[in-house]
Amino acid sequence: MTKYKSPASRLVRVFKKSRDQWKERANQKQKRIRGLEIQVRDLSRSRERWKEKAKQAQQELAQLKREQAGKTEPDSQAIADPGEQTAYSGVPAGHHYPVFVIQIAIEQIIHSLQSYRGCQKSFEVFSRFFPLPQPSFSCIRHWLLRVGLYELQQEPPAHSDWIIILDLTLELGQHKCLVILGVSASRLVETSFVLSHQDVVVLELAVLSSCTGEVIAQTLNRLTEQIGPPLQIVSDQGSEVRKGLALYRQQYPTVIWTYDVTHQMALLLEKELAQDERYQAFCRQCTLTRHQTKQTALYFLAPPAQRPKARYLNVDEQIRWAQQLLHYQAQGDFSAITPHFSLDQIALSRLQSQLDPASLTDLAQLQDKIYPDRPSFCRHLSQTLGAERWAEYAPALLRAADLGRRLFDQKLGWLQAYQADISLYAHMMTFVHQVQAQLKHHGLSRTSPERFATQTLTGPLSPRLDRFRSHILTYLQTQAQPLTDEQTLLATSDVLESIFGKYKLFSTERAFKEIGPLVLLIPLFTVKLTAQRVKQALEKVRTIDVQEWAKQLFGSSMLSKRRAVLQAIKPT
């Protein structure tokens, strides 16, 4: 039976529905009004902010106009070196940004090793505190390459005692870059044989698609026509470099060729260790341990990663790590891994043959109890066993219950089996460090072999160590033989390797790691920038000059070729 609904009830229902609809509409209007109020507030704040920026921009423009007209002169003495006359706040002809802004940008890239976009962000931060313009990352990149090309095109200073350092830097692709640095022998003595990047000059930066011994010899011959025959050439003994220098010295036999000590020591270590089964097993175990400890509490003690290239230039890293771990193990304090102690089933099974039955029965009731640290464990065990039994069994109990020691022994206890080998390798590395320190800080001279022999003859040596030491002495005698009694020359190309390392910090950020216009950073690493130098560079070298230089040497980059090919192919 259908329930009867009166007209009054229907009317009440209609009114309630209408009331709810009007409430919903009122709420929506309130939300809309609130949203408009927030929008008005934000627009008002934005307007005030843009007004302030406009005022700052007008002040900057007025300041730049006054400086351009010569009404105000900046205090360059507070910024530049004493006595240096620079238009520090001037604007290079045809440019918008003042010189000091350009110099700050270049210095951030070269010395602070920032990326282009990171440098742009730095200016955005600076502009919140100082009235500075904000150049874009692409603008900063153009400045860098233009100043780099300007420095590359400068004539080298005139010296009659040039010492040349040369090497090749390789990336992906067909191009190689032959870099030749120069330093005068007098400057070498002033720096006490420890060269910084600003002590050397880029004499040649040759981008080569075919790098053979003949090409290297031709490059050196062209350079010799400009600066004259050098006093010395320092390099490694790569096959192309060795052949090129042999051809070059046929024409200039008086030039002294010195094999870089760092590469020579790596070669001696490779000959000594490449066929050493114990050393190779040690390296394999280091690699395995590094993988096994990645996601564990032991990762802070993991072996250093082995480099895929130039591995024997970095043998000392692993040997030093192994010595430090053995010393850490000998100290017996593993609380950094975990401070906890526990007489669990593993610990009790290890103590079966070391404790009397009564003591084992007393300790069984403490099974699986975890103590937060060593003092609490000692206190509780001394109360359980009594002072006499605790004094007798304490070393065995502490060793068995130490959870930190147990973790160490599981993953790193294998080092004990290599203790004698590590001592031998460490002694070899001591010889290497001694000869490197001697040559890098005192130079190469006729007395170098005798000095090294005296320094290392401290006691009887094993036959293997004595043979390794004799190889180093042979190297020193061979390299010192062409020198006169008065000469002390360079024996390392570390400064060039350091510049290559700095350059590769930037080149690895590219989509394709190829030799490209970025090699213009290398000349910038070796100069001390001044405002006047930056101004001259930007006024003499245009962006189009850099583009033409790069097009002539490199052609289209691999990234541009990839884009052209892949964009032309439409997916089906």
Protein backbone atom coordinates (compact mmCIF):
# COMPACT_ATOMS: atom_id res chain seq x y z
CA MET A 1 0.00 0.00 0.00
CA THR A 2 1.49 3.35 -1.08
CA LYS A 3 2.01 5.84 1.73
CA TYR A 4 0.08 9.07 1.23
CA LYS A 5 2.15 12.27 1.03
CA SER A 6 0.34 15.52 1.87
CA PRO A 7 0.83 18.74 -0.16
CA ALA A 8 2.42 20.38 2.91
CA SER A 9 5.18 17.79 3.12
CA ARG A 10 5.91 18.13 -0.56
CA LEU A 11 6.09 21.90 -0.13
CA VAL A 12 8.54 21.53 2.81
CA ARG A 13 10.72 19.22 0.73
CA VAL A 14 10.80 21.72 -2.15
CA PHE A 15 11.72 24.56 0.18
CA LYS A 16 14.56 22.51 1.76
CA LYS A 17 15.96 21.65 -1.66
CA SER A 18 15.78 25.27 -2.74
CA ARG A 19 17.47 26.36 0.50
CA ASP A 20 20.33 23.90 -0.04
CA GLN A 21 20.80 25.09 -3.62
CA TRP A 22 21.03 28.73 -2.50
CA LYS A 23 23.49 27.78 0.26
CA GLU A 24 25.69 26.00 -2.31
CA ARG A 25 25.55 29.02 -4.62
CA ALA A 26 26.44 31.31 -1.71
CA ASN A 27 29.42 29.10 -0.79
CA GLN A 28 30.64 29.08 -4.39
CA LYS A 29 30.40 32.88 -4.54
CA GLN A 30 32.33 33.15 -1.26
CA LYS A 31 35.08 30.89 -2.66
CA ARG A 32 35.20 32.92 -5.87
CA ILE A 33 35.43 36.16 -3.90
CA ARG A 34 38.24 34.70 -1.76
CA GLY A 35 40.10 33.56 -4.84
CA LEU A 36 39.80 37.03 -6.40
CA GLU A 37 41.03 38.63 -3.16
CA ILE A 38 44.11 36.36 -3.20
CA GLN A 39 44.71 37.17 -6.87
CA VAL A 40 44.46 40.91 -6.16
CA ARG A 41 46.88 40.53 -3.25
CA ASP A 42 49.41 38.62 -5.37
CA LEU A 43 49.12 41.09 -8.23
CA SER A 44 49.67 43.98 -5.83
CA ARG A 45 52.80 42.33 -4.44
CA SER A 46 54.05 41.56 -7.95
CA ARG A 47 53.41 45.14 -9.02
CA GLU A 48 55.45 46.47 -6.08
CA ARG A 49 58.22 44.00 -6.81
CA TRP A 50 58.40 44.96 -10.49
CA LYS A 51 58.32 48.64 -9.56
CA GLU A 52 61.36 48.06 -7.35
CA LYS A 53 63.15 46.18 -10.15
CA ALA A 54 62.35 48.96 -12.59
CA LYS A 55 63.83 51.52 -10.20
CA GLN A 56 66.98 49.43 -9.83
CA ALA A 57 67.27 49.03 -13.59
CA GLN A 58 66.92 52.79 -14.07
CA GLN A 59 69.62 53.40 -11.47
CA GLU A 60 71.94 50.88 -13.17
CA LEU A 61 71.30 52.45 -16.56
CA ALA A 62 72.02 55.92 -15.22
CA GLN A 63 75.19 54.68 -13.54
CA LEU A 64 76.40 52.98 -16.73
CA LYS A 65 75.67 56.11 -18.77
CA ARG A 66 77.66 58.25 -16.33
CA GLU A 67 80.58 55.81 -16.45
CA GLN A 68 80.43 55.66 -20.24
CA ALA A 69 80.55 59.42 -20.40
CA GLY A 70 83.52 59.51 -18.06
CA LYS A 71 81.71 61.34 -15.29
CA THR A 72 82.69 58.77 -12.70
CA GLU A 73 85.76 56.59 -12.60
CA PRO A 74 85.73 53.29 -10.63
CA ASP A 75 88.29 52.67 -7.98
CA SER A 76 90.19 50.04 -9.95
CA GLN A 77 92.99 49.93 -7.39
CA ALA A 78 90.63 48.25 -4.94
CA ILE A 79 89.86 45.56 -7.49
CA ALA A 80 92.80 45.08 -9.80
CA ASP A 81 96.43 44.41 -8.95
CA PRO A 82 98.43 47.41 -7.70
CA GLY A 83 99.65 49.52 -10.57
CA GLU A 84 97.35 47.88 -13.12
CA GLN A 85 95.40 50.43 -15.14
CA THR A 86 92.09 48.85 -16.15
CA ALA A 87 88.66 50.06 -17.14
CA TYR A 88 87.20 47.65 -14.63
CA SER A 89 83.62 48.85 -14.88
CA GLY A 90 83.83 49.84 -18.53
CA VAL A 91 81.86 48.13 -21.26
CA PRO A 92 83.67 46.51 -24.22
CA ALA A 93 82.85 48.11 -27.55
CA GLY A 94 79.68 46.62 -29.00
CA HIS A 95 78.70 44.92 -25.73
CA HIS A 96 75.99 45.41 -23.15
CA TYR A 97 77.52 43.95 -20.00
CA PRO A 98 80.37 45.66 -18.11
CA VAL A 99 83.79 44.02 -18.04
CA PHE A 100 83.67 43.09 -14.36
CA VAL A 101 80.48 41.06 -14.89
CA ILE A 102 82.11 39.17 -17.76
CA GLN A 103 85.24 38.56 -15.71
CA ILE A 104 83.23 37.29 -12.73
CA ALA A 105 81.39 34.86 -15.03
CA ILE A 106 84.62 33.51 -16.56
CA GLU A 107 86.34 33.23 -13.16
CA GLN A 108 83.38 31.25 -11.79
CA ILE A 109 83.70 28.73 -14.62
CA ILE A 110 87.50 28.48 -14.64
CA HIS A 111 88.31 28.58 -10.93
CA SER A 112 85.06 27.64 -9.17
CA LEU A 113 84.36 24.93 -11.80
CA GLN A 114 80.70 25.87 -12.12
CA SER A 115 78.54 24.87 -15.06
CA TYR A 116 77.17 27.53 -17.42
CA ARG A 117 73.69 27.26 -15.93
CA GLY A 118 75.12 27.18 -12.41
CA CYS A 119 76.95 30.42 -13.15
CA GLN A 120 73.71 31.96 -14.42
CA LYS A 121 71.96 30.91 -11.19
CA SER A 122 74.78 32.51 -9.17
CA PHE A 123 74.14 35.85 -10.84
CA GLU A 124 70.44 35.48 -10.04
CA VAL A 125 71.37 35.02 -6.37
CA PHE A 126 73.84 37.93 -6.45
CA SER A 127 71.20 40.22 -7.96
CA ARG A 128 69.08 39.82 -4.83
CA PHE A 129 71.78 41.55 -2.80
CA PHE A 130 73.67 43.69 -5.33
CA PRO A 131 72.55 45.66 -8.41
CA LEU A 132 74.08 43.20 -10.87
CA PRO A 133 72.82 42.22 -14.32
CA GLN A 134 71.95 38.57 -14.98
CA PRO A 135 73.63 37.15 -18.12
CA SER A 136 72.24 33.95 -19.60
CA PHE A 137 74.20 30.68 -19.69
CA SER A 138 74.57 30.88 -23.49
CA CYS A 139 76.02 34.38 -23.21
CA ILE A 140 78.52 33.15 -20.61
CA ARG A 141 79.50 30.26 -22.88
CA HIS A 142 80.20 32.65 -25.80
CA TRP A 143 82.35 34.87 -23.58
CA LEU A 144 84.37 31.89 -22.41
CA LEU A 145 85.08 30.57 -25.91
CA ARG A 146 85.92 34.01 -27.31
CA VAL A 147 88.45 34.76 -24.57
CA GLY A 148 89.84 31.24 -24.93
CA LEU A 149 90.36 31.69 -28.69
CA TYR A 150 91.98 35.08 -28.06
CA GLU A 151 94.47 33.51 -25.62
CA LEU A 152 95.19 30.68 -28.05
CA GLN A 153 96.05 33.16 -30.81
CA GLN A 154 98.56 35.14 -28.72
CA GLU A 155 102.23 34.96 -29.61
CA PRO A 156 104.29 33.11 -26.98
CA PRO A 157 106.86 35.16 -25.05
CA ALA A 158 110.45 35.03 -26.24
CA HIS A 159 112.68 32.63 -24.28
CA SER A 160 115.87 30.83 -25.20
CA ASP A 161 115.43 28.12 -22.55
CA TRP A 162 112.01 26.68 -23.32
CA ILE A 163 111.03 23.44 -21.64
CA ILE A 164 108.16 21.72 -23.46
CA ILE A 165 105.54 19.40 -21.94
CA LEU A 166 103.32 17.56 -24.40
CA ASP A 167 100.60 14.95 -24.37
CA LEU A 168 97.43 13.87 -26.13
CA THR A 169 93.93 14.06 -24.70
CA LEU A 170 91.37 11.65 -26.12
CA GLU A 171 87.58 11.61 -26.19
CA LEU A 172 85.03 9.72 -28.23
CA GLY A 173 84.99 10.33 -31.96
CA GLN A 174 87.73 10.70 -34.53
CA HIS A 175 89.54 13.76 -33.16
CA LYS A 176 92.48 13.92 -30.76
CA CYS A 177 93.98 17.01 -29.20
CA LEU A 178 97.74 17.48 -28.96
CA VAL A 179 98.53 20.01 -26.24
CA ILE A 180 102.04 21.48 -25.91
CA LEU A 181 102.83 23.57 -22.85
CA GLY A 182 105.94 25.62 -22.33
CA VAL A 183 107.82 27.04 -19.36
CA SER A 184 111.22 28.68 -19.24
CA ALA A 185 113.98 27.00 -17.25
CA SER A 186 114.45 30.18 -15.20
CA ARG A 187 110.76 30.17 -14.24
CA LEU A 188 111.08 26.51 -13.31
CA VAL A 189 113.79 27.35 -10.77
CA GLU A 190 111.72 30.25 -9.37
CA THR A 191 108.81 27.89 -8.66
CA SER A 192 111.10 25.28 -7.04
CA PHE A 193 110.08 22.82 -9.78
CA VAL A 194 106.43 22.78 -8.61
CA LEU A 195 104.45 24.32 -11.47
CA SER A 196 100.97 25.79 -11.18
CA HIS A 197 98.64 26.22 -14.16
CA GLN A 198 99.54 29.91 -14.47
CA ASP A 199 103.28 29.14 -14.65
CA VAL A 200 102.98 27.52 -18.08
CA VAL A 201 101.95 28.78 -21.51
CA VAL A 202 99.95 26.93 -24.16
CA LEU A 203 102.35 26.91 -27.12
CA GLU A 204 100.24 24.66 -29.34
CA LEU A 205 96.76 23.18 -29.24
CA ALA A 206 96.43 21.00 -32.33
CA VAL A 207 93.18 19.19 -33.05
CA LEU A 208 94.08 16.16 -35.17
CA SER A 209 91.91 13.64 -36.98
CA SER A 210 94.99 11.50 -37.70
CA CYS A 211 97.58 11.46 -34.93
CA THR A 212 100.71 9.64 -36.10
CA GLY A 213 104.35 10.05 -35.22
CA GLU A 214 104.88 11.99 -38.45
CA VAL A 215 102.09 14.45 -37.60
CA ILE A 216 103.51 15.06 -34.12
CA ALA A 217 106.98 15.64 -35.58
CA GLN A 218 105.56 18.12 -38.12
CA THR A 219 103.72 19.97 -35.35
CA LEU A 220 106.90 20.23 -33.30
CA ASN A 221 108.86 21.43 -36.34
CA ARG A 222 106.35 24.24 -36.97
CA LEU A 223 106.52 25.24 -33.33
CA THR A 224 110.32 25.23 -33.40
CA GLU A 225 110.26 27.70 -36.31
CA GLN A 226 108.37 30.10 -34.02
CA ILE A 227 110.16 29.72 -30.66
CA GLY A 228 113.43 28.01 -31.56
CA PRO A 229 114.63 24.55 -30.43
CA PRO A 230 113.59 23.85 -26.84
CA LEU A 231 116.02 22.89 -24.13
CA GLN A 232 113.99 19.86 -23.01
CA ILE A 233 110.82 17.91 -23.88
CA VAL A 234 108.91 16.04 -21.14
CA SER A 235 106.27 13.47 -22.11
CA ASP A 236 105.06 9.92 -21.65
CA GLN A 237 106.08 7.14 -24.03
CA GLY A 238 102.87 6.54 -25.93
CA SER A 239 103.58 4.92 -29.29
CA GLU A 240 102.65 8.01 -31.36
CA VAL A 241 104.51 10.39 -29.05
CA ARG A 242 107.61 8.20 -28.92
CA LYS A 243 107.79 7.90 -32.71
CA GLY A 244 107.11 11.62 -33.23
CA LEU A 245 109.85 12.67 -30.81
CA ALA A 246 112.30 10.22 -32.35
CA LEU A 247 111.70 11.80 -35.79
CA TYR A 248 111.92 15.30 -34.35
CA ARG A 249 115.23 14.63 -32.56
CA GLN A 250 116.77 13.39 -35.78
CA GLN A 251 116.66 17.03 -36.86
CA TYR A 252 117.32 18.51 -33.39
CA PRO A 253 119.55 15.97 -31.59
CA THR A 254 120.58 18.39 -28.81
CA VAL A 255 117.02 18.52 -27.43
CA ILE A 256 116.82 16.51 -24.19
CA TRP A 257 113.88 14.11 -24.01
CA THR A 258 112.80 13.14 -20.48
CA TYR A 259 110.30 10.42 -19.69
CA ASP A 260 107.75 11.62 -17.14
CA VAL A 261 108.48 10.02 -13.75
CA THR A 262 104.81 9.36 -12.92
CA HIS A 263 104.25 7.30 -16.08
CA GLN A 264 107.58 5.51 -15.65
CA MET A 265 106.72 4.45 -12.10
CA ALA A 266 103.33 3.19 -13.29
CA LEU A 267 105.08 1.18 -15.99
CA LEU A 268 107.48 -0.38 -13.47
CA LEU A 269 104.60 -1.27 -11.17
CA GLU A 270 102.69 -2.82 -14.04
CA LYS A 271 105.67 -5.00 -14.98
CA GLU A 272 106.03 -6.04 -11.35
CA LEU A 273 102.39 -6.65 -10.48
CA ALA A 274 100.56 -7.58 -13.69
CA GLN A 275 101.84 -11.18 -13.49
CA ASP A 276 101.72 -11.37 -9.69
CA GLU A 277 98.94 -13.85 -8.88
CA ARG A 278 98.75 -12.72 -5.26
CA TYR A 279 98.27 -9.09 -6.25
CA GLN A 280 95.67 -9.94 -8.89
CA ALA A 281 93.79 -12.09 -6.36
CA PHE A 282 93.97 -9.21 -3.88
CA CYS A 283 92.45 -6.85 -6.50
CA ARG A 284 89.66 -9.31 -7.31
CA GLN A 285 88.85 -9.70 -3.63
CA CYS A 286 88.74 -5.90 -3.25
CA THR A 287 86.25 -5.63 -6.11
CA LEU A 288 84.09 -8.41 -4.66
CA THR A 289 84.15 -6.85 -1.19
CA ARG A 290 83.15 -3.46 -2.55
CA HIS A 291 80.06 -5.00 -4.15
CA GLN A 292 79.20 -7.08 -1.06
CA THR A 293 79.32 -4.11 1.33
CA LYS A 294 77.39 -1.58 -0.77
CA GLN A 295 74.11 -1.92 1.13
CA THR A 296 75.55 -2.77 4.54
CA ALA A 297 76.82 -1.00 7.64
CA LEU A 298 80.37 -1.79 6.45
CA TYR A 299 80.27 0.42 3.35
CA PHE A 300 82.29 3.16 5.06
CA LEU A 301 85.17 0.64 5.16
CA ALA A 302 84.73 -0.57 1.56
CA PRO A 303 87.82 -0.69 -0.72
CA PRO A 304 88.33 2.25 -3.08
CA ALA A 305 86.97 1.76 -6.59
CA GLN A 306 89.56 0.58 -9.12
CA ARG A 307 89.93 2.77 -12.16
CA PRO A 308 89.35 1.14 -15.55
CA LYS A 309 92.20 3.21 -17.06
CA ALA A 310 95.65 4.02 -15.69
CA ARG A 311 95.11 1.51 -12.89
CA TYR A 312 98.81 1.26 -12.04
CA LEU A 313 98.98 5.01 -11.55
CA ASN A 314 96.74 4.53 -8.51
CA VAL A 315 98.07 1.36 -6.85
CA ASP A 316 98.85 3.27 -3.67
CA GLU A 317 95.14 3.95 -2.96
CA GLN A 318 94.32 0.26 -2.45
CA ILE A 319 97.56 -0.51 -0.61
CA ARG A 320 97.02 2.41 1.76
CA TRP A 321 93.42 1.27 2.37
CA ALA A 322 94.57 -2.28 3.15
CA GLN A 323 97.21 -1.02 5.62
CA GLN A 324 94.66 1.18 7.37
CA LEU A 325 92.15 -1.68 7.63
CA LEU A 326 94.76 -4.02 9.10
CA HIS A 327 95.68 -1.36 11.65
CA TYR A 328 91.98 -0.86 12.47
CA GLN A 329 91.57 -4.60 12.94
CA ALA A 330 94.59 -4.77 15.24
CA GLN A 331 93.15 -2.07 17.51
CA GLY A 332 90.17 -4.31 18.27
CA ASP A 333 87.56 -1.56 18.59
CA PHE A 334 84.71 -2.26 16.14
CA SER A 335 82.11 -0.03 17.78
CA ALA A 336 81.95 2.21 14.68
CA ILE A 337 80.41 -0.76 12.81
CA THR A 338 78.02 -1.58 15.68
CA PRO A 339 78.60 -1.19 19.45
CA HIS A 340 76.34 -4.15 20.35
CA PHE A 341 77.43 -7.38 22.08
CA SER A 342 75.41 -10.60 22.25
CA LEU A 343 75.97 -14.18 23.47
CA ASP A 344 73.87 -15.71 20.69
CA GLN A 345 74.11 -19.25 19.37
CA ILE A 346 77.10 -18.41 17.17
CA ALA A 347 79.02 -16.91 20.09
CA LEU A 348 78.25 -19.82 22.42
CA SER A 349 79.32 -22.40 19.84
CA ARG A 350 82.66 -20.60 19.46
CA LEU A 351 83.13 -20.68 23.23
CA GLN A 352 82.51 -24.43 23.60
CA SER A 353 86.20 -25.33 23.61
CA GLN A 354 87.34 -22.31 25.63
CA LEU A 355 85.05 -22.30 28.68
CA ASP A 356 84.34 -24.90 31.37
CA PRO A 357 80.90 -26.60 31.37
CA ALA A 358 79.69 -24.74 34.45
CA SER A 359 80.41 -21.38 32.88
CA LEU A 360 78.70 -22.43 29.65
CA THR A 361 75.63 -23.43 31.68
CA ASP A 362 75.58 -20.05 33.43
CA LEU A 363 75.91 -18.21 30.11
CA ALA A 364 73.22 -20.24 28.37
CA GLN A 365 70.54 -18.28 30.26
CA LEU A 366 71.88 -15.07 28.65
CA GLN A 367 71.51 -16.41 25.12
CA ASP A 368 70.28 -13.86 22.53
CA LYS A 369 70.34 -10.99 25.01
CA ILE A 370 71.73 -7.89 23.23
CA TYR A 371 73.89 -5.44 25.17
CA PRO A 372 74.05 -1.84 23.91
CA ASP A 373 77.82 -1.45 24.35
CA ARG A 374 80.99 -3.01 25.71
CA PRO A 375 80.85 -1.55 29.27
CA SER A 376 77.33 -2.88 29.92
CA PHE A 377 78.32 -6.31 28.57
CA CYS A 378 81.40 -6.45 30.81
CA ARG A 379 79.45 -5.31 33.86
CA HIS A 380 76.68 -7.88 33.42
CA LEU A 381 79.03 -10.80 32.60
CA SER A 382 81.29 -10.05 35.59
CA GLN A 383 78.24 -10.21 37.86
CA THR A 384 77.04 -13.47 36.27
CA LEU A 385 80.38 -15.32 36.29
CA GLY A 386 82.04 -13.69 39.23
CA ALA A 387 85.25 -11.69 39.25
CA GLU A 388 87.60 -14.70 39.08
CA ARG A 389 85.99 -16.46 36.11
CA TRP A 390 85.38 -13.15 34.31
CA ALA A 391 89.08 -12.23 34.57
CA GLU A 392 90.00 -15.63 33.08
CA TYR A 393 87.48 -15.75 30.24
CA ALA A 394 87.03 -12.04 29.42
CA PRO A 395 89.22 -11.96 26.23
CA ALA A 396 87.43 -14.97 24.71
CA LEU A 397 83.97 -13.67 25.68
CA LEU A 398 84.60 -10.20 24.30
CA ARG A 399 85.92 -11.60 21.04
CA ALA A 400 83.02 -14.03 20.54
CA ALA A 401 80.21 -11.62 21.53
CA ASP A 402 81.42 -8.52 19.61
CA LEU A 403 78.90 -8.14 16.76
CA GLY A 404 80.99 -5.41 15.12
CA ARG A 405 84.04 -7.69 14.99
CA ARG A 406 81.88 -10.48 13.57
CA LEU A 407 80.65 -8.29 10.70
CA PHE A 408 84.20 -7.12 10.01
CA ASP A 409 85.56 -10.68 9.95
CA GLN A 410 82.76 -11.85 7.62
CA LYS A 411 83.47 -9.28 4.89
CA LEU A 412 87.00 -8.01 5.55
CA GLY A 413 88.73 -10.72 7.53
CA TRP A 414 90.35 -12.00 4.32
CA LEU A 415 92.88 -9.15 4.56
CA GLN A 416 94.83 -11.09 7.20
CA ALA A 417 95.86 -13.65 4.58
CA TYR A 418 97.47 -10.86 2.50
CA GLN A 419 99.31 -9.09 5.31
CA ALA A 420 102.80 -10.09 4.15
CA ASP A 421 101.99 -9.24 0.52
CA ILE A 422 100.57 -5.85 1.49
CA SER A 423 103.76 -5.08 3.42
CA LEU A 424 105.81 -5.89 0.30
CA TYR A 425 103.62 -3.74 -1.98
CA ALA A 426 103.71 -0.90 0.54
CA HIS A 427 107.54 -1.00 0.52
CA MET A 428 107.47 -0.74 -3.28
CA MET A 429 105.14 2.25 -3.05
CA THR A 430 107.54 3.85 -0.57
CA PHE A 431 110.30 3.68 -3.21
CA VAL A 432 107.90 5.15 -5.78
CA HIS A 433 106.88 8.02 -3.51
CA GLN A 434 110.50 8.77 -2.64
CA VAL A 435 111.67 9.07 -6.23
CA GLN A 436 108.59 11.07 -7.21
CA ALA A 437 109.01 13.50 -4.30
CA GLN A 438 112.70 13.90 -5.12
CA LEU A 439 112.21 14.66 -8.82
CA LYS A 440 109.04 16.72 -8.47
CA HIS A 441 110.45 19.01 -5.77
CA HIS A 442 114.14 19.14 -6.63
CA GLY A 443 114.20 18.42 -10.36
CA LEU A 444 116.27 15.97 -12.40
CA SER A 445 120.06 16.33 -12.26
CA ARG A 446 123.23 14.27 -12.51
CA THR A 447 123.10 13.70 -8.74
CA SER A 448 119.54 12.27 -8.76
CA PRO A 449 120.58 8.57 -8.95
CA GLU A 450 123.07 8.91 -6.10
CA ARG A 451 120.62 10.83 -3.95
CA PHE A 452 117.92 8.18 -4.41
CA ALA A 453 120.36 5.34 -3.75
CA THR A 454 121.49 6.95 -0.49
CA GLN A 455 117.94 7.69 0.59
CA THR A 456 116.68 4.13 0.06
CA LEU A 457 119.68 2.15 1.29
CA THR A 458 118.45 1.84 4.87
CA GLY A 459 118.87 -1.89 5.43
CA PRO A 460 118.83 -5.31 3.78
CA LEU A 461 116.14 -5.81 1.17
CA SER A 462 114.44 -8.89 -0.20
CA PRO A 463 115.56 -9.93 -3.70
CA ARG A 464 112.29 -8.67 -5.20
CA LEU A 465 112.52 -5.26 -3.53
CA ASP A 466 116.19 -4.94 -4.45
CA ARG A 467 115.37 -5.69 -8.08
CA PHE A 468 112.55 -3.10 -8.09
CA ARG A 469 114.88 -0.50 -6.56
CA SER A 470 117.52 -1.23 -9.21
CA HIS A 471 114.94 -0.61 -11.97
CA ILE A 472 114.26 2.84 -10.53
CA LEU A 473 117.99 3.57 -10.36
CA THR A 474 118.38 2.51 -14.00
CA TYR A 475 115.62 4.94 -14.99
CA LEU A 476 117.28 7.80 -13.10
CA GLN A 477 120.68 7.08 -14.62
CA THR A 478 119.24 6.92 -18.14
CA GLN A 479 117.33 10.20 -17.78
CA ALA A 480 120.18 12.06 -16.08
CA GLN A 481 122.86 10.95 -18.56
CA PRO A 482 122.17 13.69 -21.22
CA LEU A 483 122.35 16.48 -18.62
CA THR A 484 125.43 18.52 -17.80
CA ASP A 485 126.71 18.84 -14.25
CA GLU A 486 125.14 22.30 -13.93
CA GLN A 487 121.70 21.44 -15.28
CA THR A 488 118.63 20.66 -13.19
CA LEU A 489 115.56 20.17 -15.34
CA LEU A 490 111.92 19.11 -15.19
CA ALA A 491 111.03 15.44 -14.70
CA THR A 492 107.23 15.41 -14.58
CA SER A 493 104.26 16.35 -16.76
CA ASP A 494 101.89 16.57 -13.77
CA VAL A 495 100.87 20.15 -14.60
CA LEU A 496 99.56 19.03 -18.00
CA GLU A 497 97.77 16.03 -16.50
CA SER A 498 96.17 18.37 -13.99
CA ILE A 499 94.95 20.67 -16.77
CA PHE A 500 93.54 17.67 -18.64
CA GLY A 501 91.72 16.59 -15.49
CA LYS A 502 90.20 20.03 -15.08
CA TYR A 503 89.15 20.12 -18.74
CA LYS A 504 87.49 16.71 -18.47
CA LEU A 505 85.33 17.93 -15.60
CA PHE A 506 83.59 20.05 -18.24
CA SER A 507 83.79 17.70 -21.23
CA THR A 508 82.09 14.84 -19.35
CA GLU A 509 78.95 16.98 -19.02
CA ARG A 510 78.42 16.98 -22.78
CA ALA A 511 75.85 14.70 -24.43
CA PHE A 512 78.67 13.23 -26.55
CA LYS A 513 82.13 13.22 -25.02
CA GLU A 514 83.99 14.38 -28.11
CA ILE A 515 86.76 16.86 -28.78
CA GLY A 516 85.02 20.13 -29.61
CA PRO A 517 85.18 23.91 -29.08
CA LEU A 518 85.39 23.27 -25.34
CA VAL A 519 89.16 22.68 -25.74
CA LEU A 520 89.41 26.49 -25.73
CA LEU A 521 89.12 26.20 -21.97
CA ILE A 522 92.67 24.81 -21.83
CA PRO A 523 94.37 28.16 -22.69
CA LEU A 524 92.15 29.88 -20.13
CA PHE A 525 93.38 27.58 -17.36
CA THR A 526 96.94 28.90 -17.85
CA VAL A 527 96.37 32.68 -17.78
CA LYS A 528 95.75 35.17 -15.04
CA LEU A 529 92.72 37.11 -16.20
CA THR A 530 92.55 40.88 -15.82
CA ALA A 531 89.80 43.29 -16.76
CA GLN A 532 91.94 44.82 -19.49
CA ARG A 533 92.75 41.39 -20.94
CA VAL A 534 89.07 40.39 -21.01
CA LYS A 535 88.11 43.69 -22.64
CA GLN A 536 90.71 43.31 -25.37
CA ALA A 537 89.71 39.71 -26.05
CA LEU A 538 86.01 40.51 -26.48
CA GLU A 539 86.75 43.48 -28.72
CA LYS A 540 89.08 41.51 -30.99
CA VAL A 541 87.38 38.08 -31.17
CA ARG A 542 83.75 37.82 -32.27
CA THR A 543 81.33 34.96 -31.76
CA ILE A 544 81.38 34.32 -35.50
CA ASP A 545 85.18 33.94 -35.31
CA VAL A 546 84.77 31.12 -32.79
CA GLN A 547 82.11 29.48 -34.97
CA GLU A 548 84.33 29.62 -38.05
CA TRP A 549 87.30 28.26 -36.09
CA ALA A 550 85.22 25.36 -34.78
CA LYS A 551 83.66 24.63 -38.17
CA GLN A 552 87.07 24.52 -39.82
CA LEU A 553 88.50 22.11 -37.22
CA PHE A 554 85.55 19.96 -36.20
CA GLY A 555 82.79 20.34 -38.76
CA SER A 556 79.37 19.29 -37.49
CA SER A 557 79.29 17.85 -33.99
CA MET A 558 78.07 14.32 -33.32
CA LEU A 559 75.06 15.70 -31.46
CA SER A 560 73.99 17.89 -34.40
CA LYS A 561 74.44 14.95 -36.80
CA ARG A 562 72.37 12.73 -34.55
CA ARG A 563 69.57 15.28 -34.36
CA ALA A 564 69.58 15.82 -38.13
CA VAL A 565 69.37 12.10 -38.85
CA LEU A 566 66.86 11.08 -36.20
CA GLN A 567 64.53 14.03 -36.70
CA ALA A 568 64.36 13.27 -40.41
CA ILE A 569 63.06 9.77 -39.67
CA LYS A 570 59.37 9.83 -38.84
CA PRO A 571 58.18 7.03 -36.56
CA THR A 572 55.68 4.68 -38.15
